[in-house]
Amino acid sequence: MAVQLMTAAPPAWGVQYMMSLPSEDAARAAATELSGMGHRLTAVRAHDHFRFVPSSFWYGKPSMEPELEGWWQVFSLAVYNGYERMALEPFLRSERIRVAPRLVPMMVFNRGAARGMR
């Protein structure tokens, strides 16, 4: 009788990017660029959008960042699949190097990145 081994898919490591841009057009262009680079779950929304959602705690409240009134946010997720946690660091470094030159001309500033594992 042959034995079949179950092989699990390698874990997925994700890095979420959040950036702010001065206009909706610039935000959509950045999102398109990131999608073209293989980022997943790329999304665009107005800055402080929760202030306009009636079910939100922030509805009708003043902005915590009034200097960004009228700006737009882009979120994206870069994913690396693999078993080696140490291999993630070179991926993150190369991803930052790959993303930065494409977005800097769009007057973007990075709001931070978060890492996680599935």
PDB file of N, CA and C in Angstrom:
ATOM      1  N   MET A   1       0.844  -1.167   0.000  1.00  0.00           N
ATOM      2  CA  MET A   1       0.000   0.000   0.000  1.00  0.00           C
ATOM      3  C   MET A   1       0.901   1.246   0.000  1.00  0.00           C
ATOM      4  N   ALA A   2       0.646   2.151  -0.925  1.00  0.00           N
ATOM      5  CA  ALA A   2       1.443   3.379  -1.026  1.00  0.00           C
ATOM      6  C   ALA A   2       0.956   4.408  -0.012  1.00  0.00           C
ATOM      7  N   VAL A   3       1.888   5.127   0.522  1.00  0.00           N
ATOM      8  CA  VAL A   3       1.568   6.166   1.502  1.00  0.00           C
ATOM      9  C   VAL A   3       1.611   7.512   0.791  1.00  0.00           C
ATOM     10  N   GLN A   4       0.562   8.270   0.945  1.00  0.00           N
ATOM     11  CA  GLN A   4       0.530   9.612   0.372  1.00  0.00           C
ATOM     12  C   GLN A   4       0.766  10.622   1.484  1.00  0.00           C
ATOM     13  N   LEU A   5       1.705  11.506   1.256  1.00  0.00           N
ATOM     14  CA  LEU A   5       1.974  12.558   2.228  1.00  0.00           C
ATOM     15  C   LEU A   5       1.179  13.798   1.870  1.00  0.00           C
ATOM     16  N   MET A   6       0.611  14.387   2.870  1.00  0.00           N
ATOM     17  CA  MET A   6      -0.105  15.651   2.660  1.00  0.00           C
ATOM     18  C   MET A   6       0.926  16.776   2.726  1.00  0.00           C
ATOM     19  N   THR A   7       0.974  17.564   1.722  1.00  0.00           N
ATOM     20  CA  THR A   7       1.900  18.692   1.740  1.00  0.00           C
ATOM     21  C   THR A   7       1.089  19.974   1.849  1.00  0.00           C
ATOM     22  N   ALA A   8       1.431  20.715   2.838  1.00  0.00           N
ATOM     23  CA  ALA A   8       0.738  21.985   3.048  1.00  0.00           C
ATOM     24  C   ALA A   8       1.365  23.060   2.171  1.00  0.00           C
ATOM     25  N   ALA A   9       0.553  23.995   1.768  1.00  0.00           N
ATOM     26  CA  ALA A   9       1.062  25.132   1.008  1.00  0.00           C
ATOM     27  C   ALA A   9       1.951  25.959   1.927  1.00  0.00           C
ATOM     28  N   PRO A  10       3.002  26.566   1.370  1.00  0.00           N
ATOM     29  CA  PRO A  10       3.854  27.394   2.219  1.00  0.00           C
ATOM     30  C   PRO A  10       3.067  28.571   2.782  1.00  0.00           C
ATOM     31  N   PRO A  11       3.450  29.044   3.968  1.00  0.00           N
ATOM     32  CA  PRO A  11       2.722  30.171   4.560  1.00  0.00           C
ATOM     33  C   PRO A  11       2.885  31.440   3.726  1.00  0.00           C
ATOM     34  N   ALA A  12       1.897  32.279   3.802  1.00  0.00           N
ATOM     35  CA  ALA A  12       1.940  33.560   3.089  1.00  0.00           C
ATOM     36  C   ALA A  12       2.263  34.663   4.086  1.00  0.00           C
ATOM     37  N   TRP A  13       3.272  35.445   3.775  1.00  0.00           N
ATOM     38  CA  TRP A  13       3.666  36.597   4.587  1.00  0.00           C
ATOM     39  C   TRP A  13       3.191  37.839   3.847  1.00  0.00           C
ATOM     40  N   GLY A  14       2.531  38.729   4.533  1.00  0.00           N
ATOM     41  CA  GLY A  14       2.020  39.928   3.880  1.00  0.00           C
ATOM     42  C   GLY A  14       2.575  41.203   4.468  1.00  0.00           C
ATOM     43  N   VAL A  15       2.729  42.185   3.616  1.00  0.00           N
ATOM     44  CA  VAL A  15       3.129  43.521   4.035  1.00  0.00           C
ATOM     45  C   VAL A  15       2.079  44.478   3.500  1.00  0.00           C
ATOM     46  N   GLN A  16       1.411  45.170   4.412  1.00  0.00           N
ATOM     47  CA  GLN A  16       0.387  46.134   4.004  1.00  0.00           C
ATOM     48  C   GLN A  16       1.025  47.512   3.892  1.00  0.00           C
ATOM     49  N   TYR A  17       0.770  48.173   2.787  1.00  0.00           N
ATOM     50  CA  TYR A  17       1.222  49.541   2.581  1.00  0.00           C
ATOM     51  C   TYR A  17       0.027  50.471   2.677  1.00  0.00           C
ATOM     52  N   MET A  18       0.237  51.621   3.286  1.00  0.00           N
ATOM     53  CA  MET A  18      -0.793  52.652   3.330  1.00  0.00           C
ATOM     54  C   MET A  18      -0.104  53.962   2.996  1.00  0.00           C
ATOM     55  N   MET A  19      -0.610  54.638   2.002  1.00  0.00           N
ATOM     56  CA  MET A  19      -0.002  55.901   1.594  1.00  0.00           C
ATOM     57  C   MET A  19      -1.072  56.930   1.291  1.00  0.00           C
ATOM     58  N   SER A  20      -0.692  58.189   1.356  1.00  0.00           N
ATOM     59  CA  SER A  20      -1.625  59.297   1.109  1.00  0.00           C
ATOM     60  C   SER A  20      -1.159  60.079  -0.107  1.00  0.00           C
ATOM     61  N   LEU A  21      -2.128  60.481  -0.917  1.00  0.00           N
ATOM     62  CA  LEU A  21      -1.841  61.249  -2.128  1.00  0.00           C
ATOM     63  C   LEU A  21      -2.798  62.437  -2.206  1.00  0.00           C
ATOM     64  N   PRO A  22      -2.389  63.507  -2.885  1.00  0.00           N
ATOM     65  CA  PRO A  22      -3.164  64.749  -2.869  1.00  0.00           C
ATOM     66  C   PRO A  22      -4.451  64.758  -3.690  1.00  0.00           C
ATOM     67  N   SER A  23      -4.654  63.759  -4.559  1.00  0.00           N
ATOM     68  CA  SER A  23      -5.877  63.770  -5.367  1.00  0.00           C
ATOM     69  C   SER A  23      -6.349  62.341  -5.636  1.00  0.00           C
ATOM     70  N   GLU A  24      -7.605  62.226  -6.003  1.00  0.00           N
ATOM     71  CA  GLU A  24      -8.158  60.906  -6.330  1.00  0.00           C
ATOM     72  C   GLU A  24      -7.457  60.316  -7.550  1.00  0.00           C
ATOM     73  N   ASP A  25      -7.188  61.156  -8.553  1.00  0.00           N
ATOM     74  CA  ASP A  25      -6.509  60.661  -9.759  1.00  0.00           C
ATOM     75  C   ASP A  25      -5.132  60.097  -9.420  1.00  0.00           C
ATOM     76  N   ALA A  26      -4.383  60.809  -8.586  1.00  0.00           N
ATOM     77  CA  ALA A  26      -3.053  60.337  -8.188  1.00  0.00           C
ATOM     78  C   ALA A  26      -3.157  59.041  -7.400  1.00  0.00           C
ATOM     79  N   ALA A  27      -4.160  58.941  -6.529  1.00  0.00           N
ATOM     80  CA  ALA A  27      -4.351  57.729  -5.734  1.00  0.00           C
ATOM     81  C   ALA A  27      -4.700  56.544  -6.635  1.00  0.00           C
ATOM     82  N   ARG A  28      -5.566  56.771  -7.602  1.00  0.00           N
ATOM     83  CA  ARG A  28      -5.935  55.685  -8.516  1.00  0.00           C
ATOM     84  C   ARG A  28      -4.740  55.268  -9.382  1.00  0.00           C
ATOM     85  N   ALA A  29      -3.926  56.233  -9.791  1.00  0.00           N
ATOM     86  CA  ALA A  29      -2.727  55.906 -10.569  1.00  0.00           C
ATOM     87  C   ALA A  29      -1.746  55.083  -9.730  1.00  0.00           C
ATOM     88  N   ALA A  30      -1.585  55.447  -8.458  1.00  0.00           N
ATOM     89  CA  ALA A  30      -0.694  54.698  -7.569  1.00  0.00           C
ATOM     90  C   ALA A  30      -1.230  53.282  -7.353  1.00  0.00           C
ATOM     91  N   ALA A  31      -2.531  53.155  -7.162  1.00  0.00           N
ATOM     92  CA  ALA A  31      -3.138  51.841  -6.962  1.00  0.00           C
ATOM     93  C   ALA A  31      -2.957  50.970  -8.207  1.00  0.00           C
ATOM     94  N   THR A  32      -3.111  51.561  -9.364  1.00  0.00           N
ATOM     95  CA  THR A  32      -2.910  50.822 -10.620  1.00  0.00           C
ATOM     96  C   THR A  32      -1.463  50.367 -10.733  1.00  0.00           C
ATOM     97  N   GLU A  33      -0.543  51.251 -10.377  1.00  0.00           N
ATOM     98  CA  GLU A  33       0.885  50.915 -10.416  1.00  0.00           C
ATOM     99  C   GLU A  33       1.202  49.755  -9.470  1.00  0.00           C
ATOM    100  N   LEU A  34       0.675  49.824  -8.248  1.00  0.00           N
ATOM    101  CA  LEU A  34       0.920  48.765  -7.263  1.00  0.00           C
ATOM    102  C   LEU A  34       0.293  47.445  -7.712  1.00  0.00           C
ATOM    103  N   SER A  35      -0.912  47.510  -8.276  1.00  0.00           N
ATOM    104  CA  SER A  35      -1.552  46.294  -8.787  1.00  0.00           C
ATOM    105  C   SER A  35      -0.719  45.676  -9.904  1.00  0.00           C
ATOM    106  N   GLY A  36      -0.197  46.530 -10.767  1.00  0.00           N
ATOM    107  CA  GLY A  36       0.653  46.062 -11.856  1.00  0.00           C
ATOM    108  C   GLY A  36       1.940  45.421 -11.366  1.00  0.00           C
ATOM    109  N   MET A  37       2.365  45.798 -10.151  1.00  0.00           N
ATOM    110  CA  MET A  37       3.573  45.232  -9.558  1.00  0.00           C
ATOM    111  C   MET A  37       3.267  43.935  -8.805  1.00  0.00           C
ATOM    112  N   GLY A  38       2.000  43.518  -8.811  1.00  0.00           N
ATOM    113  CA  GLY A  38       1.641  42.262  -8.162  1.00  0.00           C
ATOM    114  C   GLY A  38       1.074  42.400  -6.761  1.00  0.00           C
ATOM    115  N   HIS A  39       0.862  43.642  -6.295  1.00  0.00           N
ATOM    116  CA  HIS A  39       0.254  43.809  -4.974  1.00  0.00           C
ATOM    117  C   HIS A  39      -1.196  43.350  -5.030  1.00  0.00           C
ATOM    118  N   ARG A  40      -1.673  42.807  -3.925  1.00  0.00           N
ATOM    119  CA  ARG A  40      -3.043  42.307  -3.839  1.00  0.00           C
ATOM    120  C   ARG A  40      -3.894  43.247  -2.993  1.00  0.00           C
ATOM    121  N   LEU A  41      -5.171  43.093  -3.101  1.00  0.00           N
ATOM    122  CA  LEU A  41      -6.121  43.858  -2.279  1.00  0.00           C
ATOM    123  C   LEU A  41      -5.846  45.355  -2.297  1.00  0.00           C
ATOM    124  N   THR A  42      -5.569  45.882  -3.458  1.00  0.00           N
ATOM    125  CA  THR A  42      -5.294  47.310  -3.578  1.00  0.00           C
ATOM    126  C   THR A  42      -6.612  48.076  -3.520  1.00  0.00           C
ATOM    127  N   ALA A  43      -6.656  49.101  -2.660  1.00  0.00           N
ATOM    128  CA  ALA A  43      -7.896  49.861  -2.467  1.00  0.00           C
ATOM    129  C   ALA A  43      -7.598  51.351  -2.364  1.00  0.00           C
ATOM    130  N   VAL A  44      -8.560  52.159  -2.786  1.00  0.00           N
ATOM    131  CA  VAL A  44      -8.463  53.618  -2.736  1.00  0.00           C
ATOM    132  C   VAL A  44      -9.663  54.146  -1.969  1.00  0.00           C
ATOM    133  N   ARG A  45      -9.427  55.123  -1.092  1.00  0.00           N
ATOM    134  CA  ARG A  45     -10.544  55.754  -0.387  1.00  0.00           C
ATOM    135  C   ARG A  45     -10.157  57.175   0.005  1.00  0.00           C
ATOM    136  N   ALA A  46     -11.166  57.990   0.235  1.00  0.00           N
ATOM    137  CA  ALA A  46     -10.938  59.365   0.674  1.00  0.00           C
ATOM    138  C   ALA A  46     -10.365  59.358   2.094  1.00  0.00           C
ATOM    139  N   HIS A  47      -9.448  60.271   2.351  1.00  0.00           N
ATOM    140  CA  HIS A  47      -8.892  60.386   3.699  1.00  0.00           C
ATOM    141  C   HIS A  47     -10.017  60.744   4.671  1.00  0.00           C
ATOM    142  N   ASP A  48      -9.968  60.182   5.848  1.00  0.00           N
ATOM    143  CA  ASP A  48     -10.995  60.421   6.880  1.00  0.00           C
ATOM    144  C   ASP A  48     -12.395  60.022   6.413  1.00  0.00           C
ATOM    145  N   HIS A  49     -12.486  59.026   5.566  1.00  0.00           N
ATOM    146  CA  HIS A  49     -13.790  58.649   5.027  1.00  0.00           C
ATOM    147  C   HIS A  49     -14.786  58.244   6.115  1.00  0.00           C
ATOM    148  N   PHE A  50     -14.293  57.776   7.264  1.00  0.00           N
ATOM    149  CA  PHE A  50     -15.207  57.370   8.332  1.00  0.00           C
ATOM    150  C   PHE A  50     -16.004  58.558   8.896  1.00  0.00           C
ATOM    151  N   ARG A  51     -15.496  59.768   8.690  1.00  0.00           N
ATOM    152  CA  ARG A  51     -16.224  60.952   9.159  1.00  0.00           C
ATOM    153  C   ARG A  51     -17.538  61.143   8.417  1.00  0.00           C
ATOM    154  N   PHE A  52     -17.706  60.456   7.299  1.00  0.00           N
ATOM    155  CA  PHE A  52     -18.896  60.622   6.470  1.00  0.00           C
ATOM    156  C   PHE A  52     -19.816  59.400   6.489  1.00  0.00           C
ATOM    157  N   VAL A  53     -19.479  58.417   7.323  1.00  0.00           N
ATOM    158  CA  VAL A  53     -20.262  57.185   7.430  1.00  0.00           C
ATOM    159  C   VAL A  53     -21.107  57.260   8.700  1.00  0.00           C
ATOM    160  N   PRO A  54     -22.438  57.360   8.582  1.00  0.00           N
ATOM    161  CA  PRO A  54     -23.295  57.552   9.761  1.00  0.00           C
ATOM    162  C   PRO A  54     -23.126  56.502  10.862  1.00  0.00           C
ATOM    163  N   SER A  55     -22.772  55.289  10.523  1.00  0.00           N
ATOM    164  CA  SER A  55     -22.626  54.252  11.553  1.00  0.00           C
ATOM    165  C   SER A  55     -21.253  54.272  12.236  1.00  0.00           C
ATOM    166  N   SER A  56     -20.363  55.168  11.799  1.00  0.00           N
ATOM    167  CA  SER A  56     -19.019  55.224  12.356  1.00  0.00           C
ATOM    168  C   SER A  56     -18.956  56.096  13.612  1.00  0.00           C
ATOM    169  N   PHE A  57     -18.090  55.719  14.516  1.00  0.00           N
ATOM    170  CA  PHE A  57     -17.813  56.521  15.709  1.00  0.00           C
ATOM    171  C   PHE A  57     -17.325  57.916  15.314  1.00  0.00           C
ATOM    172  N   TRP A  58     -16.599  58.017  14.207  1.00  0.00           N
ATOM    173  CA  TRP A  58     -16.000  59.277  13.767  1.00  0.00           C
ATOM    174  C   TRP A  58     -16.964  60.166  12.980  1.00  0.00           C
ATOM    175  N   TYR A  59     -18.189  59.708  12.743  1.00  0.00           N
ATOM    176  CA  TYR A  59     -19.138  60.455  11.930  1.00  0.00           C
ATOM    177  C   TYR A  59     -19.346  61.868  12.493  1.00  0.00           C
ATOM    178  N   GLY A  60     -19.161  62.861  11.632  1.00  0.00           N
ATOM    179  CA  GLY A  60     -19.407  64.248  11.997  1.00  0.00           C
ATOM    180  C   GLY A  60     -18.362  64.881  12.893  1.00  0.00           C
ATOM    181  N   LYS A  61     -17.357  64.137  13.303  1.00  0.00           N
ATOM    182  CA  LYS A  61     -16.322  64.679  14.178  1.00  0.00           C
ATOM    183  C   LYS A  61     -15.242  65.355  13.346  1.00  0.00           C
ATOM    184  N   PRO A  62     -14.511  66.288  13.938  1.00  0.00           N
ATOM    185  CA  PRO A  62     -13.445  66.949  13.181  1.00  0.00           C
ATOM    186  C   PRO A  62     -12.307  65.977  12.865  1.00  0.00           C
ATOM    187  N   SER A  63     -11.609  66.264  11.820  1.00  0.00           N
ATOM    188  CA  SER A  63     -10.498  65.420  11.400  1.00  0.00           C
ATOM    189  C   SER A  63      -9.360  65.484  12.405  1.00  0.00           C
ATOM    190  N   MET A  64      -8.704  64.355  12.592  1.00  0.00           N
ATOM    191  CA  MET A  64      -7.511  64.318  13.445  1.00  0.00           C
ATOM    192  C   MET A  64      -6.297  64.807  12.645  1.00  0.00           C
ATOM    193  N   GLU A  65      -6.437  64.881  11.337  1.00  0.00           N
ATOM    194  CA  GLU A  65      -5.367  65.353  10.456  1.00  0.00           C
ATOM    195  C   GLU A  65      -5.947  66.356   9.447  1.00  0.00           C
ATOM    196  N   PRO A  66      -6.296  67.538   9.904  1.00  0.00           N
ATOM    197  CA  PRO A  66      -6.943  68.503   9.000  1.00  0.00           C
ATOM    198  C   PRO A  66      -6.066  68.915   7.821  1.00  0.00           C
ATOM    199  N   GLU A  67      -4.754  68.771   7.968  1.00  0.00           N
ATOM    200  CA  GLU A  67      -3.866  69.135   6.852  1.00  0.00           C
ATOM    201  C   GLU A  67      -4.012  68.185   5.661  1.00  0.00           C
ATOM    202  N   LEU A  68      -4.661  67.044   5.866  1.00  0.00           N
ATOM    203  CA  LEU A  68      -4.868  66.087   4.780  1.00  0.00           C
ATOM    204  C   LEU A  68      -6.293  66.109   4.235  1.00  0.00           C
ATOM    205  N   GLU A  69      -7.041  67.118   4.593  1.00  0.00           N
ATOM    206  CA  GLU A  69      -8.406  67.272   4.074  1.00  0.00           C
ATOM    207  C   GLU A  69      -8.357  67.297   2.548  1.00  0.00           C
ATOM    208  N   GLY A  70      -9.150  66.460   1.912  1.00  0.00           N
ATOM    209  CA  GLY A  70      -9.177  66.385   0.452  1.00  0.00           C
ATOM    210  C   GLY A  70      -8.185  65.391  -0.136  1.00  0.00           C
ATOM    211  N   TRP A  71      -7.315  64.822   0.684  1.00  0.00           N
ATOM    212  CA  TRP A  71      -6.353  63.842   0.204  1.00  0.00           C
ATOM    213  C   TRP A  71      -7.015  62.474   0.113  1.00  0.00           C
ATOM    214  N   TRP A  72      -6.332  61.548  -0.540  1.00  0.00           N
ATOM    215  CA  TRP A  72      -6.827  60.185  -0.729  1.00  0.00           C
ATOM    216  C   TRP A  72      -5.807  59.189  -0.221  1.00  0.00           C
ATOM    217  N   GLN A  73      -6.284  58.030   0.211  1.00  0.00           N
ATOM    218  CA  GLN A  73      -5.418  56.980   0.724  1.00  0.00           C
ATOM    219  C   GLN A  73      -5.439  55.770  -0.199  1.00  0.00           C
ATOM    220  N   VAL A  74      -4.299  55.111  -0.287  1.00  0.00           N
ATOM    221  CA  VAL A  74      -4.168  53.873  -1.044  1.00  0.00           C
ATOM    222  C   VAL A  74      -3.650  52.812  -0.082  1.00  0.00           C
ATOM    223  N   PHE A  75      -4.277  51.669  -0.110  1.00  0.00           N
ATOM    224  CA  PHE A  75      -3.849  50.519   0.673  1.00  0.00           C
ATOM    225  C   PHE A  75      -3.508  49.402  -0.301  1.00  0.00           C
ATOM    226  N   SER A  76      -2.461  48.668  -0.006  1.00  0.00           N
ATOM    227  CA  SER A  76      -2.146  47.499  -0.827  1.00  0.00           C
ATOM    228  C   SER A  76      -1.462  46.461   0.038  1.00  0.00           C
ATOM    229  N   LEU A  77      -1.408  45.253  -0.484  1.00  0.00           N
ATOM    230  CA  LEU A  77      -0.823  44.142   0.236  1.00  0.00           C
ATOM    231  C   LEU A  77       0.142  43.413  -0.689  1.00  0.00           C
ATOM    232  N   ALA A  78       1.430  43.411  -0.297  1.00  0.00           N
ATOM    233  CA  ALA A  78       2.437  42.639  -1.024  1.00  0.00           C
ATOM    234  C   ALA A  78       2.581  41.307  -0.294  1.00  0.00           C
ATOM    235  N   VAL A  79       2.601  40.210  -1.034  1.00  0.00           N
ATOM    236  CA  VAL A  79       2.605  38.883  -0.422  1.00  0.00           C
ATOM    237  C   VAL A  79       3.831  38.097  -0.869  1.00  0.00           C
ATOM    238  N   TYR A  80       4.456  37.439   0.108  1.00  0.00           N
ATOM    239  CA  TYR A  80       5.570  36.540  -0.141  1.00  0.00           C
ATOM    240  C   TYR A  80       5.181  35.172   0.401  1.00  0.00           C
ATOM    241  N   ASN A  81       5.322  34.135  -0.390  1.00  0.00           N
ATOM    242  CA  ASN A  81       5.027  32.775   0.060  1.00  0.00           C
ATOM    243  C   ASN A  81       6.333  32.022   0.282  1.00  0.00           C
ATOM    244  N   GLY A  82       6.469  31.425   1.440  1.00  0.00           N
ATOM    245  CA  GLY A  82       7.663  30.632   1.721  1.00  0.00           C
ATOM    246  C   GLY A  82       7.739  30.218   3.169  1.00  0.00           C
ATOM    247  N   TYR A  83       8.550  29.204   3.418  1.00  0.00           N
ATOM    248  CA  TYR A  83       8.691  28.683   4.776  1.00  0.00           C
ATOM    249  C   TYR A  83       9.741  29.436   5.591  1.00  0.00           C
ATOM    250  N   GLU A  84      10.698  30.036   4.927  1.00  0.00           N
ATOM    251  CA  GLU A  84      11.819  30.656   5.629  1.00  0.00           C
ATOM    252  C   GLU A  84      11.513  32.089   6.025  1.00  0.00           C
ATOM    253  N   ARG A  85      11.384  32.307   7.316  1.00  0.00           N
ATOM    254  CA  ARG A  85      11.134  33.662   7.820  1.00  0.00           C
ATOM    255  C   ARG A  85      12.284  34.601   7.462  1.00  0.00           C
ATOM    256  N   MET A  86      13.501  34.076   7.483  1.00  0.00           N
ATOM    257  CA  MET A  86      14.667  34.908   7.169  1.00  0.00           C
ATOM    258  C   MET A  86      14.657  35.372   5.718  1.00  0.00           C
ATOM    259  N   ALA A  87      13.996  34.640   4.847  1.00  0.00           N
ATOM    260  CA  ALA A  87      13.912  35.046   3.441  1.00  0.00           C
ATOM    261  C   ALA A  87      12.975  36.228   3.262  1.00  0.00           C
ATOM    262  N   LEU A  88      12.172  36.503   4.278  1.00  0.00           N
ATOM    263  CA  LEU A  88      11.223  37.608   4.193  1.00  0.00           C
ATOM    264  C   LEU A  88      11.934  38.966   4.204  1.00  0.00           C
ATOM    265  N   GLU A  89      13.004  39.091   4.975  1.00  0.00           N
ATOM    266  CA  GLU A  89      13.703  40.384   5.067  1.00  0.00           C
ATOM    267  C   GLU A  89      14.216  40.876   3.717  1.00  0.00           C
ATOM    268  N   PRO A  90      14.906  40.038   2.936  1.00  0.00           N
ATOM    269  CA  PRO A  90      15.311  40.511   1.600  1.00  0.00           C
ATOM    270  C   PRO A  90      14.121  40.886   0.722  1.00  0.00           C
ATOM    271  N   PHE A  91      13.013  40.153   0.849  1.00  0.00           N
ATOM    272  CA  PHE A  91      11.803  40.480   0.095  1.00  0.00           C
ATOM    273  C   PHE A  91      11.303  41.875   0.482  1.00  0.00           C
ATOM    274  N   LEU A  92      11.258  42.150   1.794  1.00  0.00           N
ATOM    275  CA  LEU A  92      10.768  43.453   2.257  1.00  0.00           C
ATOM    276  C   LEU A  92      11.677  44.580   1.772  1.00  0.00           C
ATOM    277  N   ARG A  93      12.972  44.389   1.866  1.00  0.00           N
ATOM    278  CA  ARG A  93      13.922  45.403   1.404  1.00  0.00           C
ATOM    279  C   ARG A  93      13.755  45.648  -0.091  1.00  0.00           C
ATOM    280  N   SER A  94      13.693  44.572  -0.861  1.00  0.00           N
ATOM    281  CA  SER A  94      13.576  44.737  -2.307  1.00  0.00           C
ATOM    282  C   SER A  94      12.228  45.347  -2.677  1.00  0.00           C
ATOM    283  N   GLU A  95      11.186  45.035  -1.917  1.00  0.00           N
ATOM    284  CA  GLU A  95       9.862  45.596  -2.191  1.00  0.00           C
ATOM    285  C   GLU A  95       9.861  47.105  -1.948  1.00  0.00           C
ATOM    286  N   ARG A  96      10.473  47.542  -0.861  1.00  0.00           N
ATOM    287  CA  ARG A  96      10.565  48.992  -0.590  1.00  0.00           C
ATOM    288  C   ARG A  96      11.355  49.690  -1.683  1.00  0.00           C
ATOM    289  N   ILE A  97      12.442  49.083  -2.103  1.00  0.00           N
ATOM    290  CA  ILE A  97      13.278  49.664  -3.163  1.00  0.00           C
ATOM    291  C   ILE A  97      12.511  49.702  -4.481  1.00  0.00           C
ATOM    292  N   ARG A  98      11.717  48.677  -4.735  1.00  0.00           N
ATOM    293  CA  ARG A  98      10.949  48.586  -5.988  1.00  0.00           C
ATOM    294  C   ARG A  98       9.782  49.566  -6.017  1.00  0.00           C
ATOM    295  N   VAL A  99       9.127  49.775  -4.872  1.00  0.00           N
ATOM    296  CA  VAL A  99       7.937  50.621  -4.801  1.00  0.00           C
ATOM    297  C   VAL A  99       8.299  52.110  -4.796  1.00  0.00           C
ATOM    298  N   ALA A 100       9.288  52.499  -4.034  1.00  0.00           N
ATOM    299  CA  ALA A 100       9.594  53.915  -3.819  1.00  0.00           C
ATOM    300  C   ALA A 100       9.783  54.736  -5.093  1.00  0.00           C
ATOM    301  N   PRO A 101      10.649  54.340  -6.026  1.00  0.00           N
ATOM    302  CA  PRO A 101      10.866  55.210  -7.191  1.00  0.00           C
ATOM    303  C   PRO A 101       9.633  55.398  -8.065  1.00  0.00           C
ATOM    304  N   ARG A 102       8.712  54.455  -8.018  1.00  0.00           N
ATOM    305  CA  ARG A 102       7.510  54.585  -8.845  1.00  0.00           C
ATOM    306  C   ARG A 102       6.482  55.521  -8.228  1.00  0.00           C
ATOM    307  N   LEU A 103       6.493  55.654  -6.898  1.00  0.00           N
ATOM    308  CA  LEU A 103       5.462  56.448  -6.243  1.00  0.00           C
ATOM    309  C   LEU A 103       5.924  57.838  -5.829  1.00  0.00           C
ATOM    310  N   VAL A 104       7.210  58.040  -5.632  1.00  0.00           N
ATOM    311  CA  VAL A 104       7.705  59.352  -5.212  1.00  0.00           C
ATOM    312  C   VAL A 104       7.299  60.459  -6.187  1.00  0.00           C
ATOM    313  N   PRO A 105       7.383  60.254  -7.509  1.00  0.00           N
ATOM    314  CA  PRO A 105       6.969  61.326  -8.423  1.00  0.00           C
ATOM    315  C   PRO A 105       5.496  61.727  -8.282  1.00  0.00           C
ATOM    316  N   MET A 106       4.690  60.899  -7.654  1.00  0.00           N
ATOM    317  CA  MET A 106       3.267  61.196  -7.496  1.00  0.00           C
ATOM    318  C   MET A 106       2.981  62.004  -6.237  1.00  0.00           C
ATOM    319  N   MET A 107       4.027  62.485  -5.555  1.00  0.00           N
ATOM    320  CA  MET A 107       3.881  63.254  -4.303  1.00  0.00           C
ATOM    321  C   MET A 107       3.202  62.418  -3.223  1.00  0.00           C
ATOM    322  N   VAL A 108       3.612  61.191  -3.099  1.00  0.00           N
ATOM    323  CA  VAL A 108       3.029  60.300  -2.111  1.00  0.00           C
ATOM    324  C   VAL A 108       3.878  60.325  -0.848  1.00  0.00           C
ATOM    325  N   PHE A 109       3.239  60.137   0.280  1.00  0.00           N
ATOM    326  CA  PHE A 109       4.028  59.843   1.462  1.00  0.00           C
ATOM    327  C   PHE A 109       3.465  58.606   2.118  1.00  0.00           C
ATOM    328  N   ASN A 110       4.374  57.799   2.595  1.00  0.00           N
ATOM    329  CA  ASN A 110       4.031  56.501   3.146  1.00  0.00           C
ATOM    330  C   ASN A 110       3.510  56.675   4.563  1.00  0.00           C
ATOM    331  N   ARG A 111       2.405  56.063   4.851  1.00  0.00           N
ATOM    332  CA  ARG A 111       1.801  56.140   6.181  1.00  0.00           C
ATOM    333  C   ARG A 111       2.227  54.973   7.058  1.00  0.00           C
ATOM    334  N   GLY A 112       3.148  54.158   6.566  1.00  0.00           N
ATOM    335  CA  GLY A 112       3.622  53.031   7.354  1.00  0.00           C
ATOM    336  C   GLY A 112       3.315  51.703   6.675  1.00  0.00           C
ATOM    337  N   ALA A 113       3.924  50.680   7.210  1.00  0.00           N
ATOM    338  CA  ALA A 113       3.705  49.332   6.692  1.00  0.00           C
ATOM    339  C   ALA A 113       3.526  48.395   7.869  1.00  0.00           C
ATOM    340  N   ALA A 114       2.763  47.376   7.667  1.00  0.00           N
ATOM    341  CA  ALA A 114       2.533  46.372   8.711  1.00  0.00           C
ATOM    342  C   ALA A 114       2.812  45.000   8.129  1.00  0.00           C
ATOM    343  N   ARG A 115       3.327  44.116   8.960  1.00  0.00           N
ATOM    344  CA  ARG A 115       3.634  42.764   8.502  1.00  0.00           C
ATOM    345  C   ARG A 115       2.752  41.769   9.204  1.00  0.00           C
ATOM    346  N   GLY A 116       2.502  40.674   8.524  1.00  0.00           N
ATOM    347  CA  GLY A 116       1.707  39.615   9.141  1.00  0.00           C
ATOM    348  C   GLY A 116       1.906  38.300   8.437  1.00  0.00           C
ATOM    349  N   MET A 117       1.448  37.246   9.056  1.00  0.00           N
ATOM    350  CA  MET A 117       1.546  35.921   8.485  1.00  0.00           C
ATOM    351  C   MET A 117       0.192  35.248   8.495  1.00  0.00           C
ATOM    352  N   ARG A 118      -0.094  34.550   7.431  1.00  0.00           N
ATOM    353  CA  ARG A 118      -1.345  33.807   7.363  1.00  0.00           C
ATOM    354  C   ARG A 118      -1.129  32.434   7.926  1.00  0.00           C
TER     355      ARG A 118
END
